[in-house]
């Protein structure tokens, strides 16, 4: 977790760019069959490779394999036994002809629930590459064997940091182990967050930096934030009156915790001119009985 202040270190869980593409193709090595669908005894299984491309300027790749029904073999008495499948990974430059073997994965498990396996490797040189996966384990007609394998996704890896933004950002990075209960993308992620900004301290009668939900402090922050395209100097704010309003909000236990996630939210927080009589008040000031004003070139006053 990063607070979004100058000097924050890069997030350690995701130090490089990972661009993921979902695939969802089953890796198979079917047995030869006749027109009636019967297996032709003695004929070799049919090699069925699957090819996908990475993104541009890739330094490496990662493939994710899913076994939605698990990987397992049951005996005639219903006992669980381990099952192994083999998958060949190859790659080549997008303009090359010959394939280069990367790894032959020997995946063994004794699980009747969904499971995932991942393999990551680096390319000799950066660029767009093709990746080919081939199932080496023959199809089985045994209903007591579960070995269905899907190529779930391919990831393009680049060593550059994922974010290239001049200003600090508050960030949360998390990684959750995929299981049969949780896999794929998270539907939602909830957090209790507080804004750290200059806040009026009535004991010392000074502005100090700390977490706050006081509308007066947050209103000043919006006016002077780096996210504001026209930040206001201290001389443009009646700080004494703002301190009085802060005390009013503190005594009345008033708070403002709305997420400002659109330009409309910010504009309604900072009026470009005095609001019309009887008109709607911006939410941040209106929640505490105040209204912004540009009287005497000062951005804030109480009504």
Protein backbone atom coordinates (compact mmCIF):
# COMPACT_ATOMS: atom_id res chain seq x y z
CA UNK A 1 0.00 0.00 0.00
CA UNK A 2 1.28 3.47 -0.92
CA UNK A 3 -0.13 6.71 0.51
CA UNK A 4 0.47 8.84 -2.59
CA UNK A 5 3.13 11.16 -1.19
CA UNK A 6 6.49 12.21 -2.57
CA UNK A 7 9.12 9.57 -1.86
CA UNK A 8 6.77 6.58 -2.04
CA UNK A 9 8.56 3.43 -3.16
CA UNK A 10 7.26 1.48 -6.17
CA UNK A 11 4.81 -1.29 -5.33
CA UNK A 12 6.73 -4.53 -4.82
CA UNK A 13 4.06 -7.02 -5.92
CA UNK A 14 3.91 -5.64 -9.48
CA UNK A 15 7.30 -4.07 -10.29
CA UNK A 16 6.87 -4.59 -14.04
CA UNK A 17 4.18 -4.38 -16.68
CA UNK A 18 1.92 -7.41 -17.10
CA UNK A 19 -0.57 -7.25 -19.98
CA UNK A 20 -2.93 -10.23 -19.82
CA UNK A 21 -5.03 -11.62 -22.65
CA UNK A 22 -7.71 -14.21 -21.89
CA UNK A 23 -7.69 -17.23 -24.20
CA UNK A 24 -9.90 -20.02 -22.86
CA UNK A 25 -8.91 -22.68 -25.42
CA UNK A 26 -8.76 -26.36 -24.46
CA UNK A 27 -5.46 -28.14 -25.04
CA UNK A 28 -6.18 -31.57 -26.47
CA UNK A 29 -4.45 -34.48 -28.16
CA UNK A 30 -7.40 -36.41 -29.58
CA UNK A 31 -7.31 -40.05 -30.54
CA UNK A 32 -8.02 -40.81 -34.22
CA UNK A 33 -11.62 -41.83 -34.87
CA UNK A 34 -13.57 -43.22 -37.79
CA UNK A 35 -16.76 -41.81 -39.29
CA UNK A 36 -18.78 -43.42 -36.51
CA UNK A 37 -16.69 -41.78 -33.81
CA UNK A 38 -14.98 -45.00 -32.77
CA UNK A 39 -11.31 -44.87 -31.82
CA UNK A 40 -9.01 -46.33 -34.47
CA UNK A 41 -6.77 -48.72 -32.60
CA UNK A 42 -3.05 -48.54 -33.35
CA UNK A 43 -3.06 -45.09 -34.98
CA UNK A 44 -1.12 -42.31 -33.24
CA UNK A 45 -2.93 -39.50 -31.47
CA UNK A 46 -3.38 -36.22 -33.30
CA UNK A 47 -1.05 -33.37 -32.32
CA UNK A 48 -3.13 -30.22 -31.90
CA UNK A 49 -0.97 -27.18 -31.07
CA UNK A 50 -2.48 -23.82 -30.13
CA UNK A 51 -0.68 -20.59 -31.07
CA UNK A 52 -1.11 -17.09 -29.63
CA UNK A 53 0.96 -13.90 -29.86
CA UNK A 54 2.32 -11.66 -27.13
CA UNK A 55 2.05 -7.90 -27.14
CA UNK A 56 4.66 -5.64 -28.71
CA UNK A 57 8.11 -5.09 -27.16
CA UNK A 58 7.73 -8.11 -24.87
CA UNK A 59 10.67 -9.06 -22.68
CA UNK A 60 9.06 -12.32 -21.63
CA UNK A 61 5.80 -14.18 -21.34
CA UNK A 62 3.74 -16.16 -18.89
CA UNK A 63 1.14 -18.80 -19.67
CA UNK A 64 -1.67 -19.77 -17.31
CA UNK A 65 -3.18 -23.24 -17.51
CA UNK A 66 -6.49 -24.12 -15.90
CA UNK A 67 -7.82 -27.53 -14.95
CA UNK A 68 -11.50 -26.72 -14.29
CA UNK A 69 -12.38 -30.25 -13.17
CA UNK A 70 -9.12 -30.91 -11.40
CA UNK A 71 -6.39 -33.38 -12.32
CA UNK A 72 -6.99 -36.82 -10.84
CA UNK A 73 -7.58 -40.51 -11.42
CA UNK A 74 -10.03 -42.68 -9.49
CA UNK A 75 -9.56 -46.40 -9.01
CA UNK A 76 -12.36 -48.90 -9.43
CA UNK A 77 -12.96 -48.61 -5.68
CA UNK A 78 -13.17 -44.82 -5.83
CA UNK A 79 -9.76 -44.11 -4.33
CA UNK A 80 -7.90 -41.03 -5.52
CA UNK A 81 -4.66 -41.37 -7.44
CA UNK A 82 -2.33 -38.73 -8.87
CA UNK A 83 -2.53 -37.97 -12.58
CA UNK A 84 0.14 -36.37 -14.78
CA UNK A 85 -0.15 -34.50 -18.06
CA UNK A 86 2.63 -33.04 -20.20
CA UNK A 87 2.46 -29.73 -22.06
CA UNK A 88 5.16 -28.50 -24.45
CA UNK A 89 5.82 -24.74 -24.58
CA UNK A 90 7.57 -23.23 -27.60
CA UNK A 91 8.13 -19.71 -28.85
CA UNK A 92 9.51 -17.81 -31.83
CA UNK A 93 9.83 -14.24 -33.01
CA UNK A 94 6.78 -13.05 -34.91
CA UNK A 95 8.83 -12.95 -38.14
CA UNK A 96 10.73 -16.21 -37.55
CA UNK A 97 10.09 -19.65 -39.02
CA UNK A 98 11.60 -22.11 -36.56
CA UNK A 99 10.17 -22.76 -33.12
CA UNK A 100 12.34 -22.91 -30.00
CA UNK A 101 11.41 -25.23 -27.16
CA UNK A 102 10.99 -23.40 -23.87
CA UNK A 103 9.88 -26.09 -21.43
CA UNK A 104 7.97 -29.33 -21.20
CA UNK A 105 5.70 -29.00 -18.20
CA UNK A 106 5.04 -32.18 -16.25
CA UNK A 107 1.97 -31.33 -14.20
CA UNK A 108 0.97 -33.80 -11.51
CA UNK A 109 -1.92 -33.46 -9.09
CA UNK A 110 -4.45 -35.44 -7.11
CA UNK A 111 -7.27 -32.92 -6.92
CA UNK A 112 -10.89 -33.14 -7.99
CA UNK A 113 -11.29 -29.35 -7.69
CA UNK A 114 -10.24 -26.70 -10.18
CA UNK A 115 -6.56 -25.79 -10.15
CA UNK A 116 -4.14 -23.54 -12.02
CA UNK A 117 -0.54 -23.74 -13.11
CA UNK A 118 1.63 -20.94 -14.46
CA UNK A 119 4.97 -20.85 -16.27
CA UNK A 120 7.02 -17.70 -16.87
CA UNK A 121 10.15 -17.19 -18.94
CA UNK A 122 12.23 -14.45 -20.54
CA UNK A 123 12.89 -13.92 -24.25
CA UNK A 124 16.46 -13.68 -25.65
CA UNK A 125 15.58 -10.29 -27.16
CA UNK A 126 12.61 -7.98 -26.77
CA UNK A 127 9.85 -7.99 -29.35
CA UNK A 128 6.51 -9.52 -30.30
CA UNK A 129 6.64 -13.31 -30.19
CA UNK A 130 4.37 -16.22 -30.88
CA UNK A 131 3.83 -18.84 -28.20
CA UNK A 132 2.77 -22.40 -29.04
CA UNK A 133 1.37 -24.89 -26.54
CA UNK A 134 0.98 -28.56 -27.38
CA UNK A 135 -0.67 -31.19 -25.21
CA UNK A 136 1.57 -34.28 -25.17
CA UNK A 137 -0.77 -36.49 -23.16
CA UNK A 138 -3.26 -38.47 -25.20
CA UNK A 139 -6.99 -38.09 -24.84
CA UNK A 140 -8.45 -40.67 -22.51
CA UNK A 141 -11.71 -42.57 -22.77
CA UNK A 142 -11.56 -43.53 -19.12
CA UNK A 143 -14.38 -41.77 -17.29
CA UNK A 144 -12.47 -42.17 -14.04
CA UNK A 145 -9.72 -39.83 -15.23
CA UNK A 146 -10.10 -36.05 -15.16
CA UNK A 147 -7.41 -34.20 -17.08
CA UNK A 148 -9.14 -31.47 -19.08
CA UNK A 149 -6.68 -28.61 -19.53
CA UNK A 150 -7.47 -25.10 -20.80
CA UNK A 151 -5.00 -22.44 -21.86
CA UNK A 152 -6.58 -19.74 -19.72
CA UNK A 153 -4.45 -16.70 -20.52
CA UNK A 154 -1.16 -15.37 -21.83
CA UNK A 155 0.69 -12.49 -20.21
CA UNK A 156 3.05 -10.11 -21.95
CA UNK A 157 5.86 -9.06 -19.60
CA UNK A 158 7.85 -5.83 -19.80
CA UNK A 159 10.45 -4.72 -17.21
CA UNK A 160 9.18 -1.13 -17.04
CA UNK A 161 7.17 -0.02 -14.01
CA UNK A 162 3.41 -0.25 -14.74
CA UNK A 163 2.70 3.42 -13.96
CA UNK A 164 4.28 6.42 -15.67
CA UNK A 165 2.68 9.39 -13.92
CA UNK A 166 4.55 12.48 -12.76
CA UNK A 167 2.59 12.93 -9.54
CA UNK A 168 2.41 10.46 -6.62
CA UNK A 169 -0.62 8.18 -6.49
CA UNK A 170 -2.25 6.37 -3.58
CA UNK A 171 -2.02 2.70 -4.54
CA UNK A 172 -3.02 -0.69 -3.23
CA UNK A 173 -1.49 -3.80 -4.79
CA UNK A 174 -2.78 -7.24 -3.87
CA UNK A 175 -2.36 -10.79 -5.03
CA UNK A 176 -4.69 -13.65 -4.12
CA UNK A 177 -3.97 -17.31 -4.68
CA UNK A 178 -6.38 -18.79 -7.20
CA UNK A 179 -8.48 -21.64 -5.83
CA UNK A 180 -11.73 -23.35 -6.77
CA UNK A 181 -13.48 -20.76 -4.56
CA UNK A 182 -11.76 -17.62 -5.88
CA UNK A 183 -10.21 -17.30 -9.32
CA UNK A 184 -10.06 -14.82 -12.16
CA UNK A 185 -10.61 -11.12 -11.48
CA UNK A 186 -12.01 -9.84 -8.19
CA UNK A 187 -15.56 -8.57 -8.48
CA UNK A 188 -14.90 -5.85 -5.90
CA UNK A 189 -12.32 -4.58 -3.46
CA UNK A 190 -13.38 -2.51 -0.47
CA UNK A 191 -11.26 -0.31 1.76
CA UNK A 192 -11.70 2.31 4.46
CA UNK A 193 -9.66 5.31 3.33
CA UNK A 194 -9.00 8.75 4.79
CA UNK A 195 -7.57 11.85 3.16
CA UNK A 196 -4.28 13.07 4.63
CA UNK A 197 -4.04 16.83 4.17
CA UNK A 198 -3.58 20.09 6.13
CA UNK A 199 -6.09 20.03 8.99
CA UNK A 200 -6.82 22.80 11.50
CA UNK A 201 -5.75 21.85 15.02
CA UNK A 202 -7.77 23.85 17.54
CA UNK A 203 -5.36 23.08 20.38
CA UNK A 204 -2.26 24.55 18.74
CA UNK A 205 -4.24 26.82 16.38
CA UNK A 206 -2.12 25.70 13.44
CA UNK A 207 -2.63 23.69 10.28
CA UNK A 208 -1.05 20.26 10.59
CA UNK A 209 -0.96 17.37 8.13
CA UNK A 210 -3.02 14.36 9.23
CA UNK A 211 -5.98 12.19 8.24
CA UNK A 212 -9.24 14.12 8.41
CA UNK A 213 -12.88 14.12 7.29
CA UNK A 214 -13.57 17.71 8.34
CA UNK A 215 -15.35 19.54 5.47
CA UNK A 216 -13.32 22.72 6.04
CA UNK A 217 -9.98 20.96 5.68
CA UNK A 218 -11.13 18.98 2.66
CA UNK A 219 -12.50 22.10 0.99
CA UNK A 220 -9.11 23.77 1.34
CA UNK A 221 -7.45 20.62 0.01
CA UNK A 222 -9.64 20.58 -3.11
CA UNK A 223 -8.83 24.23 -3.79
CA UNK A 224 -5.08 23.69 -3.42
CA UNK A 225 -4.65 20.07 -4.50
CA UNK A 226 -2.22 19.12 -7.25
CA UNK A 227 -5.23 17.51 -8.95
CA UNK A 228 -6.77 20.97 -9.39
CA UNK A 229 -5.75 22.49 -12.72
CA UNK A 230 -5.90 25.98 -11.15
CA UNK A 231 -4.80 25.55 -7.52
CA UNK A 232 -5.48 28.50 -5.22
CA UNK A 233 -2.73 30.14 -3.17
CA UNK A 234 -3.12 30.73 0.56
CA UNK A 235 -3.71 34.40 -0.20
CA UNK A 236 -6.82 33.44 -2.13
CA UNK A 237 -8.45 31.70 0.83
CA UNK A 238 -9.75 33.26 4.03
CA UNK A 239 -7.90 30.83 6.30
CA UNK A 240 -9.13 32.49 9.50
CA UNK A 241 -12.74 32.05 8.46
CA UNK A 242 -11.94 28.53 7.32
CA UNK A 243 -10.55 27.75 10.78
CA UNK A 244 -13.78 29.02 12.37
CA UNK A 245 -15.81 26.80 10.07
CA UNK A 246 -13.52 23.89 10.95
CA UNK A 247 -14.30 24.38 14.65
CA UNK A 248 -18.01 24.51 13.87
CA UNK A 249 -17.79 21.22 11.97
CA UNK A 250 -15.72 19.65 14.75
CA UNK A 251 -18.13 20.65 17.50
CA UNK A 252 -21.14 19.50 15.47
CA UNK A 253 -19.34 16.27 14.50
CA UNK A 254 -19.82 16.96 10.78
CA UNK A 255 -17.82 14.97 8.24
CA UNK A 256 -17.50 14.73 4.47
CA UNK A 257 -16.33 11.38 3.06
CA UNK A 258 -17.63 11.39 -0.49
CA UNK A 259 -15.34 10.12 -3.24
CA UNK A 260 -14.79 12.84 -5.85
CA UNK A 261 -14.47 10.67 -8.93
CA UNK A 262 -15.55 13.04 -11.71
CA UNK A 263 -14.92 16.59 -12.89
CA UNK A 264 -18.53 17.42 -12.03
CA UNK A 265 -17.87 16.49 -8.39
CA UNK A 266 -14.90 18.86 -8.21
CA UNK A 267 -16.70 21.74 -9.93
CA UNK A 268 -19.60 21.40 -7.54
CA UNK A 269 -17.08 21.58 -4.71
CA UNK A 270 -15.38 24.70 -6.03
CA UNK A 271 -17.82 27.20 -7.58
CA UNK A 272 -16.37 29.53 -10.24
CA UNK A 273 -18.60 32.30 -8.85
CA UNK A 274 -20.99 32.87 -5.98
CA UNK A 275 -23.95 30.46 -6.10
CA UNK A 276 -27.27 32.10 -7.00
CA UNK A 277 -29.61 32.94 -4.09
CA UNK A 278 -31.68 29.90 -3.25
CA UNK A 279 -29.70 27.79 -5.70
CA UNK A 280 -28.11 24.44 -4.92
CA UNK A 281 -25.06 24.45 -2.71
CA UNK A 282 -21.94 22.41 -3.46
CA UNK A 283 -22.08 19.18 -1.51
CA UNK A 284 -18.91 19.67 0.52
CA UNK A 285 -19.87 23.07 1.90
CA UNK A 286 -23.62 22.49 1.93
CA UNK A 287 -23.26 19.50 4.24
CA UNK A 288 -22.00 21.87 6.94
CA UNK A 289 -24.25 24.89 6.40
CA UNK A 290 -21.77 26.91 4.32
CA UNK A 291 -21.48 28.20 0.77
CA UNK A 292 -18.38 29.13 -1.27
CA UNK A 293 -17.90 32.70 -2.45
CA UNK A 294 -15.43 34.79 -4.46
CA UNK A 295 -16.23 38.01 -2.63
CA UNK A 296 -13.15 40.25 -2.22
CA UNK A 297 -11.27 37.68 -4.31
CA UNK A 298 -11.59 35.25 -1.39
CA UNK A 299 -12.80 31.77 -2.27
CA UNK A 300 -14.81 30.97 0.81
CA UNK A 301 -17.37 32.48 3.18
CA UNK A 302 -20.24 31.34 5.42
CA UNK A 303 -23.89 31.99 4.69
